[in-house]
Amino acid sequence: MTLFQLFPWMFAICVALWSAALLRWLGVSDLLALSIGLISGFTFFLLFLVGEKRLICRLEQRRAEKQKSAVARRRYQTFDVKNVAPIGKSLFYECAICGNILHSLSKKNTNCACRNILIEANSGRIEIRDRTKVKLFAWVGAGDGGLRTEFAAGAGGQSPGAKSA
């Protein structure tokens, strides 16, 4: 067990001991102080477990809502796989193999996890190994709203970009 998994147990024991000691200090009999201490420790443990489950459930719901909202803000666009890849403030490339998202304007060199999309910021190139496994989308409300007529001057139809989320 990890320390995180042991925390509720350790804290429940501390609550039980502290409450029993406090009650004993206030003059309550040993047996009654011990009983109340054990009940308070057990109650804390149950409350902690219930709170933890509710917190995890709520965090999972928030994560799902954020992901749904992020996907809803994407406006997928078609681009010719044989021509130069477009760039723009709100344009992103999504790798269908690993799921990474790369921004089309980069300040540093980056690539997706599977190296299907490689971006060189200094030379202004995007290398896409398998163009059929790449999607282009505009992030709604993120700037210019879509394709621009600006293209990178690089071999093989590459343009600059940066790793996003």
N, C-alpha and C. Protein backbone atom coordinates (compact mmCIF):
# COMPACT_ATOMS: atom_id res chain seq x y z
N MET A 1 0.83 -1.18 0.00
CA MET A 1 0.00 0.00 0.00
C MET A 1 0.88 1.25 0.00
N THR A 2 0.40 2.27 -0.68
CA THR A 2 1.14 3.53 -0.71
C THR A 2 0.76 4.38 0.50
N LEU A 3 1.53 5.42 0.72
CA LEU A 3 1.25 6.32 1.83
C LEU A 3 -0.10 7.01 1.64
N PHE A 4 -0.45 7.30 0.38
CA PHE A 4 -1.75 7.92 0.10
C PHE A 4 -2.89 6.98 0.48
N GLN A 5 -2.72 5.69 0.23
CA GLN A 5 -3.76 4.72 0.60
C GLN A 5 -3.82 4.51 2.10
N LEU A 6 -2.71 4.67 2.78
CA LEU A 6 -2.67 4.48 4.23
C LEU A 6 -3.12 5.72 5.00
N PHE A 7 -3.17 6.88 4.35
CA PHE A 7 -3.51 8.13 5.02
C PHE A 7 -4.83 8.06 5.78
N PRO A 8 -5.94 7.59 5.19
CA PRO A 8 -7.19 7.57 5.96
C PRO A 8 -7.09 6.72 7.22
N TRP A 9 -6.40 5.59 7.12
CA TRP A 9 -6.25 4.73 8.29
C TRP A 9 -5.43 5.42 9.37
N MET A 10 -4.31 6.00 8.97
CA MET A 10 -3.45 6.66 9.95
C MET A 10 -4.17 7.83 10.60
N PHE A 11 -4.89 8.61 9.81
CA PHE A 11 -5.58 9.76 10.35
C PHE A 11 -6.73 9.33 11.25
N ALA A 12 -7.42 8.27 10.89
CA ALA A 12 -8.52 7.76 11.73
C ALA A 12 -7.98 7.29 13.08
N ILE A 13 -6.83 6.63 13.07
CA ILE A 13 -6.22 6.19 14.33
C ILE A 13 -5.82 7.40 15.17
N CYS A 14 -5.26 8.42 14.52
CA CYS A 14 -4.88 9.65 15.24
C CYS A 14 -6.11 10.33 15.84
N VAL A 15 -7.20 10.40 15.08
CA VAL A 15 -8.44 11.00 15.60
C VAL A 15 -8.94 10.21 16.79
N ALA A 16 -8.91 8.88 16.70
CA ALA A 16 -9.39 8.04 17.80
C ALA A 16 -8.53 8.25 19.05
N LEU A 17 -7.22 8.24 18.88
CA LEU A 17 -6.33 8.41 20.03
C LEU A 17 -6.46 9.81 20.63
N TRP A 18 -6.53 10.82 19.77
CA TRP A 18 -6.62 12.20 20.26
C TRP A 18 -7.92 12.43 21.02
N SER A 19 -9.03 11.95 20.44
CA SER A 19 -10.31 12.16 21.12
C SER A 19 -10.38 11.36 22.42
N ALA A 20 -9.83 10.15 22.45
CA ALA A 20 -9.82 9.37 23.70
C ALA A 20 -8.95 10.05 24.75
N ALA A 21 -7.80 10.57 24.33
CA ALA A 21 -6.92 11.27 25.28
C ALA A 21 -7.57 12.54 25.79
N LEU A 22 -8.24 13.27 24.92
CA LEU A 22 -8.91 14.50 25.34
C LEU A 22 -10.03 14.20 26.32
N LEU A 23 -10.82 13.18 26.01
CA LEU A 23 -11.91 12.80 26.92
C LEU A 23 -11.35 12.32 28.27
N ARG A 24 -10.29 11.57 28.24
CA ARG A 24 -9.66 11.09 29.49
C ARG A 24 -9.14 12.26 30.30
N TRP A 25 -8.56 13.26 29.62
CA TRP A 25 -8.04 14.45 30.29
C TRP A 25 -9.18 15.26 30.93
N LEU A 26 -10.39 15.21 30.28
CA LEU A 26 -11.55 15.91 30.82
C LEU A 26 -12.21 15.15 31.97
N GLY A 27 -11.71 13.95 32.28
CA GLY A 27 -12.21 13.23 33.43
C GLY A 27 -13.21 12.14 33.11
N VAL A 28 -13.38 11.78 31.86
CA VAL A 28 -14.29 10.70 31.47
C VAL A 28 -13.59 9.39 31.76
N SER A 29 -14.36 8.35 32.12
CA SER A 29 -13.76 7.06 32.47
C SER A 29 -13.02 6.47 31.28
N ASP A 30 -12.08 5.59 31.56
CA ASP A 30 -11.23 5.00 30.53
C ASP A 30 -12.04 4.27 29.47
N LEU A 31 -12.97 3.43 29.89
CA LEU A 31 -13.75 2.64 28.94
C LEU A 31 -14.62 3.52 28.05
N LEU A 32 -15.26 4.52 28.64
CA LEU A 32 -16.11 5.43 27.86
C LEU A 32 -15.25 6.26 26.89
N ALA A 33 -14.09 6.75 27.35
CA ALA A 33 -13.20 7.54 26.50
C ALA A 33 -12.70 6.70 25.33
N LEU A 34 -12.34 5.44 25.60
CA LEU A 34 -11.88 4.54 24.54
C LEU A 34 -12.98 4.26 23.54
N SER A 35 -14.19 4.02 24.03
CA SER A 35 -15.33 3.74 23.14
C SER A 35 -15.63 4.94 22.25
N ILE A 36 -15.71 6.11 22.84
CA ILE A 36 -15.99 7.32 22.04
C ILE A 36 -14.85 7.59 21.05
N GLY A 37 -13.62 7.36 21.48
CA GLY A 37 -12.47 7.54 20.59
C GLY A 37 -12.53 6.61 19.38
N LEU A 38 -12.84 5.34 19.62
CA LEU A 38 -12.95 4.38 18.51
C LEU A 38 -14.09 4.74 17.57
N ILE A 39 -15.22 5.15 18.13
CA ILE A 39 -16.36 5.54 17.30
C ILE A 39 -16.01 6.77 16.47
N SER A 40 -15.34 7.75 17.08
CA SER A 40 -14.97 8.96 16.31
C SER A 40 -13.96 8.63 15.22
N GLY A 41 -13.00 7.76 15.49
CA GLY A 41 -12.03 7.36 14.46
C GLY A 41 -12.70 6.62 13.31
N PHE A 42 -13.60 5.70 13.65
CA PHE A 42 -14.32 4.94 12.63
C PHE A 42 -15.22 5.87 11.80
N THR A 43 -15.88 6.81 12.46
CA THR A 43 -16.75 7.77 11.77
C THR A 43 -15.93 8.63 10.81
N PHE A 44 -14.77 9.11 11.28
CA PHE A 44 -13.91 9.89 10.39
C PHE A 44 -13.50 9.08 9.18
N PHE A 45 -13.13 7.82 9.40
CA PHE A 45 -12.70 6.97 8.29
C PHE A 45 -13.82 6.82 7.25
N LEU A 46 -15.03 6.56 7.70
CA LEU A 46 -16.16 6.43 6.77
C LEU A 46 -16.43 7.74 6.03
N LEU A 47 -16.40 8.86 6.75
CA LEU A 47 -16.61 10.15 6.11
C LEU A 47 -15.53 10.45 5.07
N PHE A 48 -14.30 10.09 5.39
CA PHE A 48 -13.20 10.30 4.46
C PHE A 48 -13.42 9.49 3.18
N LEU A 49 -13.80 8.21 3.31
CA LEU A 49 -14.02 7.37 2.15
C LEU A 49 -15.16 7.89 1.27
N VAL A 50 -16.27 8.29 1.91
CA VAL A 50 -17.40 8.83 1.16
C VAL A 50 -16.99 10.12 0.45
N GLY A 51 -16.31 11.01 1.16
CA GLY A 51 -15.86 12.27 0.57
C GLY A 51 -14.89 12.05 -0.57
N GLU A 52 -13.99 11.09 -0.40
CA GLU A 52 -13.02 10.78 -1.44
C GLU A 52 -13.71 10.28 -2.70
N LYS A 53 -14.68 9.40 -2.55
CA LYS A 53 -15.41 8.88 -3.72
C LYS A 53 -16.19 9.98 -4.42
N ARG A 54 -16.82 10.86 -3.64
CA ARG A 54 -17.57 11.97 -4.25
C ARG A 54 -16.62 12.92 -4.97
N LEU A 55 -15.48 13.18 -4.37
CA LEU A 55 -14.49 14.07 -4.99
C LEU A 55 -13.97 13.48 -6.29
N ILE A 56 -13.64 12.21 -6.29
CA ILE A 56 -13.15 11.56 -7.49
C ILE A 56 -14.21 11.57 -8.58
N CYS A 57 -15.46 11.31 -8.20
CA CYS A 57 -16.56 11.33 -9.17
C CYS A 57 -16.72 12.73 -9.77
N ARG A 58 -16.66 13.74 -8.92
CA ARG A 58 -16.81 15.11 -9.42
C ARG A 58 -15.65 15.51 -10.31
N LEU A 59 -14.44 15.15 -9.94
CA LEU A 59 -13.28 15.48 -10.78
C LEU A 59 -13.36 14.78 -12.13
N GLU A 60 -13.83 13.56 -12.14
CA GLU A 60 -13.99 12.82 -13.40
C GLU A 60 -15.05 13.48 -14.28
N GLN A 61 -16.13 13.95 -13.68
CA GLN A 61 -17.17 14.65 -14.45
C GLN A 61 -16.62 15.95 -15.04
N ARG A 62 -15.87 16.70 -14.25
CA ARG A 62 -15.29 17.95 -14.74
C ARG A 62 -14.32 17.69 -15.87
N ARG A 63 -13.50 16.63 -15.77
CA ARG A 63 -12.55 16.30 -16.82
C ARG A 63 -13.28 15.94 -18.11
N ALA A 64 -14.37 15.16 -17.98
CA ALA A 64 -15.15 14.78 -19.16
C ALA A 64 -15.81 16.00 -19.80
N GLU A 65 -16.32 16.93 -18.98
CA GLU A 65 -16.93 18.14 -19.52
C GLU A 65 -15.91 19.01 -20.23
N LYS A 66 -14.71 19.15 -19.66
CA LYS A 66 -13.67 19.94 -20.30
C LYS A 66 -13.25 19.32 -21.63
N GLN A 67 -13.12 17.99 -21.65
CA GLN A 67 -12.73 17.32 -22.88
C GLN A 67 -13.82 17.48 -23.94
N LYS A 68 -15.08 17.35 -23.54
CA LYS A 68 -16.18 17.51 -24.47
C LYS A 68 -16.22 18.93 -25.02
N SER A 69 -15.99 19.91 -24.16
CA SER A 69 -15.98 21.31 -24.58
C SER A 69 -14.83 21.59 -25.54
N ALA A 70 -13.67 21.00 -25.26
CA ALA A 70 -12.51 21.20 -26.13
C ALA A 70 -12.75 20.60 -27.51
N VAL A 71 -13.36 19.44 -27.56
CA VAL A 71 -13.65 18.80 -28.85
C VAL A 71 -14.72 19.60 -29.59
N ALA A 72 -15.69 20.15 -28.87
CA ALA A 72 -16.76 20.92 -29.52
C ALA A 72 -16.23 22.22 -30.12
N ARG A 73 -15.13 22.75 -29.60
CA ARG A 73 -14.57 24.00 -30.12
C ARG A 73 -13.68 23.78 -31.33
N ARG A 74 -13.49 22.55 -31.73
CA ARG A 74 -12.67 22.25 -32.90
C ARG A 74 -13.51 22.29 -34.17
N ARG A 75 -13.01 22.96 -35.18
CA ARG A 75 -13.66 22.96 -36.48
C ARG A 75 -12.68 22.31 -37.46
N TYR A 76 -12.94 21.03 -37.75
CA TYR A 76 -12.04 20.28 -38.62
C TYR A 76 -12.12 20.78 -40.04
N GLN A 77 -10.96 20.83 -40.68
CA GLN A 77 -10.87 21.34 -42.03
C GLN A 77 -10.09 20.35 -42.88
N THR A 78 -10.34 20.40 -44.16
CA THR A 78 -9.62 19.51 -45.07
C THR A 78 -8.41 20.26 -45.62
N PHE A 79 -7.35 19.53 -45.81
CA PHE A 79 -6.18 20.10 -46.48
C PHE A 79 -5.64 19.04 -47.42
N ASP A 80 -5.12 19.50 -48.53
CA ASP A 80 -4.61 18.60 -49.56
C ASP A 80 -3.32 17.98 -49.06
N VAL A 81 -3.29 16.66 -48.97
CA VAL A 81 -2.12 15.97 -48.43
C VAL A 81 -0.92 16.06 -49.36
N LYS A 82 -1.13 16.45 -50.60
CA LYS A 82 -0.03 16.54 -51.55
C LYS A 82 0.59 17.93 -51.59
N ASN A 83 -0.12 18.94 -51.08
CA ASN A 83 0.37 20.31 -51.13
C ASN A 83 0.96 20.74 -49.80
N VAL A 84 1.33 22.01 -49.74
CA VAL A 84 1.94 22.59 -48.55
C VAL A 84 0.92 22.64 -47.41
N ALA A 85 1.38 22.33 -46.21
CA ALA A 85 0.51 22.35 -45.04
C ALA A 85 0.27 23.79 -44.60
N PRO A 86 -0.97 24.18 -44.36
CA PRO A 86 -1.27 25.56 -43.96
C PRO A 86 -0.88 25.86 -42.52
N ILE A 87 -0.67 27.14 -42.24
CA ILE A 87 -0.37 27.58 -40.88
C ILE A 87 -1.31 28.72 -40.51
N GLY A 88 -1.50 28.95 -39.23
CA GLY A 88 -2.34 30.04 -38.75
C GLY A 88 -2.38 30.05 -37.24
N LYS A 89 -2.80 31.18 -36.69
CA LYS A 89 -2.84 31.32 -35.22
C LYS A 89 -3.72 30.28 -34.56
N SER A 90 -4.83 29.93 -35.20
CA SER A 90 -5.78 29.01 -34.57
C SER A 90 -5.79 27.64 -35.23
N LEU A 91 -4.77 27.32 -36.02
CA LEU A 91 -4.72 26.02 -36.70
C LEU A 91 -3.85 25.04 -35.92
N PHE A 92 -4.36 23.83 -35.80
CA PHE A 92 -3.66 22.77 -35.08
C PHE A 92 -3.68 21.50 -35.90
N TYR A 93 -2.66 20.68 -35.73
CA TYR A 93 -2.59 19.37 -36.38
C TYR A 93 -2.76 18.31 -35.30
N GLU A 94 -3.65 17.36 -35.56
CA GLU A 94 -3.91 16.27 -34.63
C GLU A 94 -3.43 14.98 -35.25
N CYS A 95 -2.56 14.28 -34.54
CA CYS A 95 -2.06 13.00 -35.03
C CYS A 95 -3.07 11.92 -34.66
N ALA A 96 -3.54 11.19 -35.66
CA ALA A 96 -4.53 10.14 -35.41
C ALA A 96 -3.89 8.89 -34.82
N ILE A 97 -2.58 8.77 -34.90
CA ILE A 97 -1.89 7.59 -34.37
C ILE A 97 -1.74 7.69 -32.85
N CYS A 98 -1.14 8.78 -32.37
CA CYS A 98 -0.88 8.92 -30.94
C CYS A 98 -1.83 9.88 -30.23
N GLY A 99 -2.56 10.69 -30.98
CA GLY A 99 -3.53 11.60 -30.39
C GLY A 99 -2.97 12.95 -29.97
N ASN A 100 -1.67 13.19 -30.16
CA ASN A 100 -1.09 14.47 -29.80
C ASN A 100 -1.60 15.59 -30.71
N ILE A 101 -1.63 16.80 -30.16
CA ILE A 101 -2.07 17.98 -30.92
C ILE A 101 -0.91 18.96 -30.97
N LEU A 102 -0.60 19.44 -32.18
CA LEU A 102 0.51 20.36 -32.39
C LEU A 102 -0.01 21.64 -33.02
N HIS A 103 0.43 22.77 -32.50
CA HIS A 103 0.03 24.07 -33.04
C HIS A 103 0.79 24.33 -34.34
N SER A 104 0.17 25.01 -35.28
CA SER A 104 0.81 25.22 -36.58
C SER A 104 1.87 26.32 -36.55
N LEU A 105 1.87 27.17 -35.54
CA LEU A 105 2.90 28.19 -35.38
C LEU A 105 3.73 27.85 -34.14
N SER A 106 5.01 27.65 -34.35
CA SER A 106 5.85 27.17 -33.25
C SER A 106 6.90 28.19 -32.85
N LYS A 107 7.26 28.13 -31.57
CA LYS A 107 8.38 28.92 -31.08
C LYS A 107 9.57 28.01 -30.78
N LYS A 108 9.32 26.69 -30.80
CA LYS A 108 10.41 25.74 -30.56
C LYS A 108 10.15 24.47 -31.37
N ASN A 109 11.19 23.70 -31.57
CA ASN A 109 11.07 22.44 -32.29
C ASN A 109 10.27 21.45 -31.45
N THR A 110 9.40 20.69 -32.09
CA THR A 110 8.58 19.73 -31.37
C THR A 110 8.12 18.63 -32.31
N ASN A 111 7.55 17.59 -31.73
CA ASN A 111 7.00 16.49 -32.51
C ASN A 111 5.95 15.77 -31.68
N CYS A 112 5.12 14.98 -32.37
CA CYS A 112 4.14 14.18 -31.63
C CYS A 112 4.84 12.96 -31.04
N ALA A 113 4.16 12.25 -30.19
CA ALA A 113 4.77 11.12 -29.47
C ALA A 113 5.26 10.02 -30.40
N CYS A 114 4.53 9.77 -31.48
CA CYS A 114 4.92 8.70 -32.40
C CYS A 114 5.82 9.21 -33.54
N ARG A 115 6.15 10.49 -33.52
CA ARG A 115 7.02 11.13 -34.50
C ARG A 115 6.43 11.13 -35.91
N ASN A 116 5.12 11.05 -36.01
CA ASN A 116 4.47 11.18 -37.32
C ASN A 116 4.51 12.63 -37.78
N ILE A 117 4.43 13.57 -36.84
CA ILE A 117 4.50 15.00 -37.16
C ILE A 117 5.74 15.56 -36.47
N LEU A 118 6.67 16.10 -37.27
CA LEU A 118 7.88 16.73 -36.75
C LEU A 118 7.86 18.19 -37.16
N ILE A 119 8.10 19.10 -36.22
CA ILE A 119 8.04 20.52 -36.50
C ILE A 119 9.37 21.16 -36.15
N GLU A 120 9.95 21.87 -37.11
CA GLU A 120 11.19 22.60 -36.91
C GLU A 120 10.87 24.08 -36.96
N ALA A 121 10.95 24.74 -35.83
CA ALA A 121 10.54 26.14 -35.74
C ALA A 121 11.49 27.07 -36.48
N ASN A 122 12.80 26.83 -36.36
CA ASN A 122 13.78 27.73 -36.96
C ASN A 122 13.74 27.71 -38.48
N SER A 123 13.59 26.53 -39.06
CA SER A 123 13.55 26.45 -40.53
C SER A 123 12.14 26.61 -41.07
N GLY A 124 11.14 26.60 -40.23
CA GLY A 124 9.76 26.79 -40.67
C GLY A 124 9.22 25.60 -41.45
N ARG A 125 9.43 24.40 -40.93
CA ARG A 125 8.97 23.20 -41.64
C ARG A 125 8.12 22.32 -40.73
N ILE A 126 7.18 21.64 -41.37
CA ILE A 126 6.44 20.57 -40.70
C ILE A 126 6.64 19.33 -41.56
N GLU A 127 7.17 18.30 -40.97
CA GLU A 127 7.31 17.02 -41.67
C GLU A 127 6.20 16.11 -41.19
N ILE A 128 5.42 15.62 -42.13
CA ILE A 128 4.36 14.68 -41.80
C ILE A 128 4.65 13.38 -42.53
N ARG A 129 4.93 12.35 -41.79
CA ARG A 129 5.31 11.08 -42.41
C ARG A 129 4.12 10.41 -43.09
N ASP A 130 3.02 10.27 -42.38
CA ASP A 130 1.81 9.67 -42.96
C ASP A 130 0.70 10.72 -42.91
N ARG A 131 0.52 11.43 -44.01
CA ARG A 131 -0.44 12.54 -44.05
C ARG A 131 -1.89 12.07 -43.95
N THR A 132 -2.15 10.81 -44.22
CA THR A 132 -3.52 10.31 -44.10
C THR A 132 -3.92 10.14 -42.63
N LYS A 133 -2.94 10.14 -41.73
CA LYS A 133 -3.20 9.97 -40.29
C LYS A 133 -3.12 11.29 -39.53
N VAL A 134 -3.30 12.40 -40.25
CA VAL A 134 -3.24 13.72 -39.63
C VAL A 134 -4.51 14.49 -39.95
N LYS A 135 -5.07 15.14 -38.92
CA LYS A 135 -6.25 15.98 -39.10
C LYS A 135 -5.86 17.43 -38.82
N LEU A 136 -6.45 18.34 -39.57
CA LEU A 136 -6.23 19.77 -39.37
C LEU A 136 -7.52 20.36 -38.81
N PHE A 137 -7.40 21.16 -37.75
CA PHE A 137 -8.60 21.81 -37.23
C PHE A 137 -8.27 23.22 -36.77
N ALA A 138 -9.29 24.06 -36.82
CA ALA A 138 -9.19 25.43 -36.31
C ALA A 138 -9.86 25.46 -34.94
N TRP A 139 -9.21 26.13 -34.00
CA TRP A 139 -9.76 26.28 -32.66
C TRP A 139 -10.68 27.49 -32.69
N VAL A 140 -11.98 27.27 -32.51
CA VAL A 140 -12.97 28.33 -32.62
C VAL A 140 -12.74 29.36 -31.53
N GLY A 141 -12.64 30.61 -31.93
CA GLY A 141 -12.43 31.71 -30.99
C GLY A 141 -11.00 31.88 -30.56
N ALA A 142 -10.05 31.30 -31.29
CA ALA A 142 -8.66 31.37 -30.89
C ALA A 142 -7.82 32.26 -31.80
N GLY A 143 -8.39 33.18 -32.50
CA GLY A 143 -7.57 34.06 -33.33
C GLY A 143 -8.18 34.27 -34.69
N ASP A 144 -7.46 33.80 -35.71
CA ASP A 144 -7.90 34.11 -37.06
C ASP A 144 -9.03 33.22 -37.56
N GLY A 145 -9.38 32.16 -36.85
CA GLY A 145 -10.56 31.38 -37.16
C GLY A 145 -10.46 30.44 -38.32
N GLY A 146 -9.33 30.25 -38.92
CA GLY A 146 -9.28 29.30 -40.00
C GLY A 146 -8.03 29.40 -40.84
N LEU A 147 -8.14 28.91 -42.05
CA LEU A 147 -7.01 28.86 -42.96
C LEU A 147 -6.57 30.25 -43.38
N ARG A 148 -5.26 30.40 -43.53
CA ARG A 148 -4.71 31.63 -44.07
C ARG A 148 -3.98 31.27 -45.35
N THR A 149 -3.70 32.25 -46.14
CA THR A 149 -3.00 32.00 -47.40
C THR A 149 -1.50 31.97 -47.20
N GLU A 150 -1.06 32.00 -45.97
CA GLU A 150 0.35 32.00 -45.62
C GLU A 150 0.82 30.54 -45.52
N PHE A 151 1.88 30.20 -46.22
CA PHE A 151 2.42 28.85 -46.18
C PHE A 151 3.90 28.91 -45.91
N ALA A 152 4.41 27.86 -45.35
CA ALA A 152 5.84 27.79 -45.06
C ALA A 152 6.61 27.50 -46.33
N ALA A 153 7.78 28.07 -46.40
CA ALA A 153 8.65 27.80 -47.54
C ALA A 153 9.59 26.68 -47.14
N GLY A 154 9.15 25.48 -47.28
CA GLY A 154 9.97 24.34 -46.90
C GLY A 154 9.76 23.19 -47.85
N ALA A 155 10.69 22.26 -47.86
CA ALA A 155 10.60 21.12 -48.75
C ALA A 155 9.50 20.17 -48.30
N GLY A 156 8.80 19.58 -49.23
CA GLY A 156 7.83 18.56 -48.93
C GLY A 156 6.56 19.08 -48.28
N GLY A 157 6.26 20.36 -48.44
CA GLY A 157 5.01 20.89 -47.91
C GLY A 157 4.96 20.94 -46.40
N GLN A 158 5.99 21.50 -45.79
CA GLN A 158 6.01 21.59 -44.35
C GLN A 158 5.86 23.05 -43.92
N SER A 159 5.28 23.23 -42.75
CA SER A 159 5.11 24.57 -42.17
C SER A 159 5.39 24.51 -40.68
N PRO A 160 5.60 25.65 -40.02
CA PRO A 160 5.95 25.63 -38.60
C PRO A 160 4.79 25.29 -37.68
N GLY A 161 5.08 24.89 -36.44
CA GLY A 161 4.05 24.56 -35.46
C GLY A 161 4.66 24.35 -34.10
N ALA A 162 3.84 24.25 -33.08
CA ALA A 162 4.32 24.01 -31.72
C ALA A 162 3.40 23.06 -31.01
N LYS A 163 3.97 22.32 -30.10
CA LYS A 163 3.18 21.33 -29.36
C LYS A 163 2.19 22.03 -28.46
N SER A 164 0.92 21.61 -28.51
CA SER A 164 -0.11 22.20 -27.66
C SER A 164 -0.36 21.28 -26.49
N ALA A 165 -1.57 20.85 -26.23
CA ALA A 165 -1.85 19.97 -25.11
C ALA A 165 -1.53 18.59 -25.53
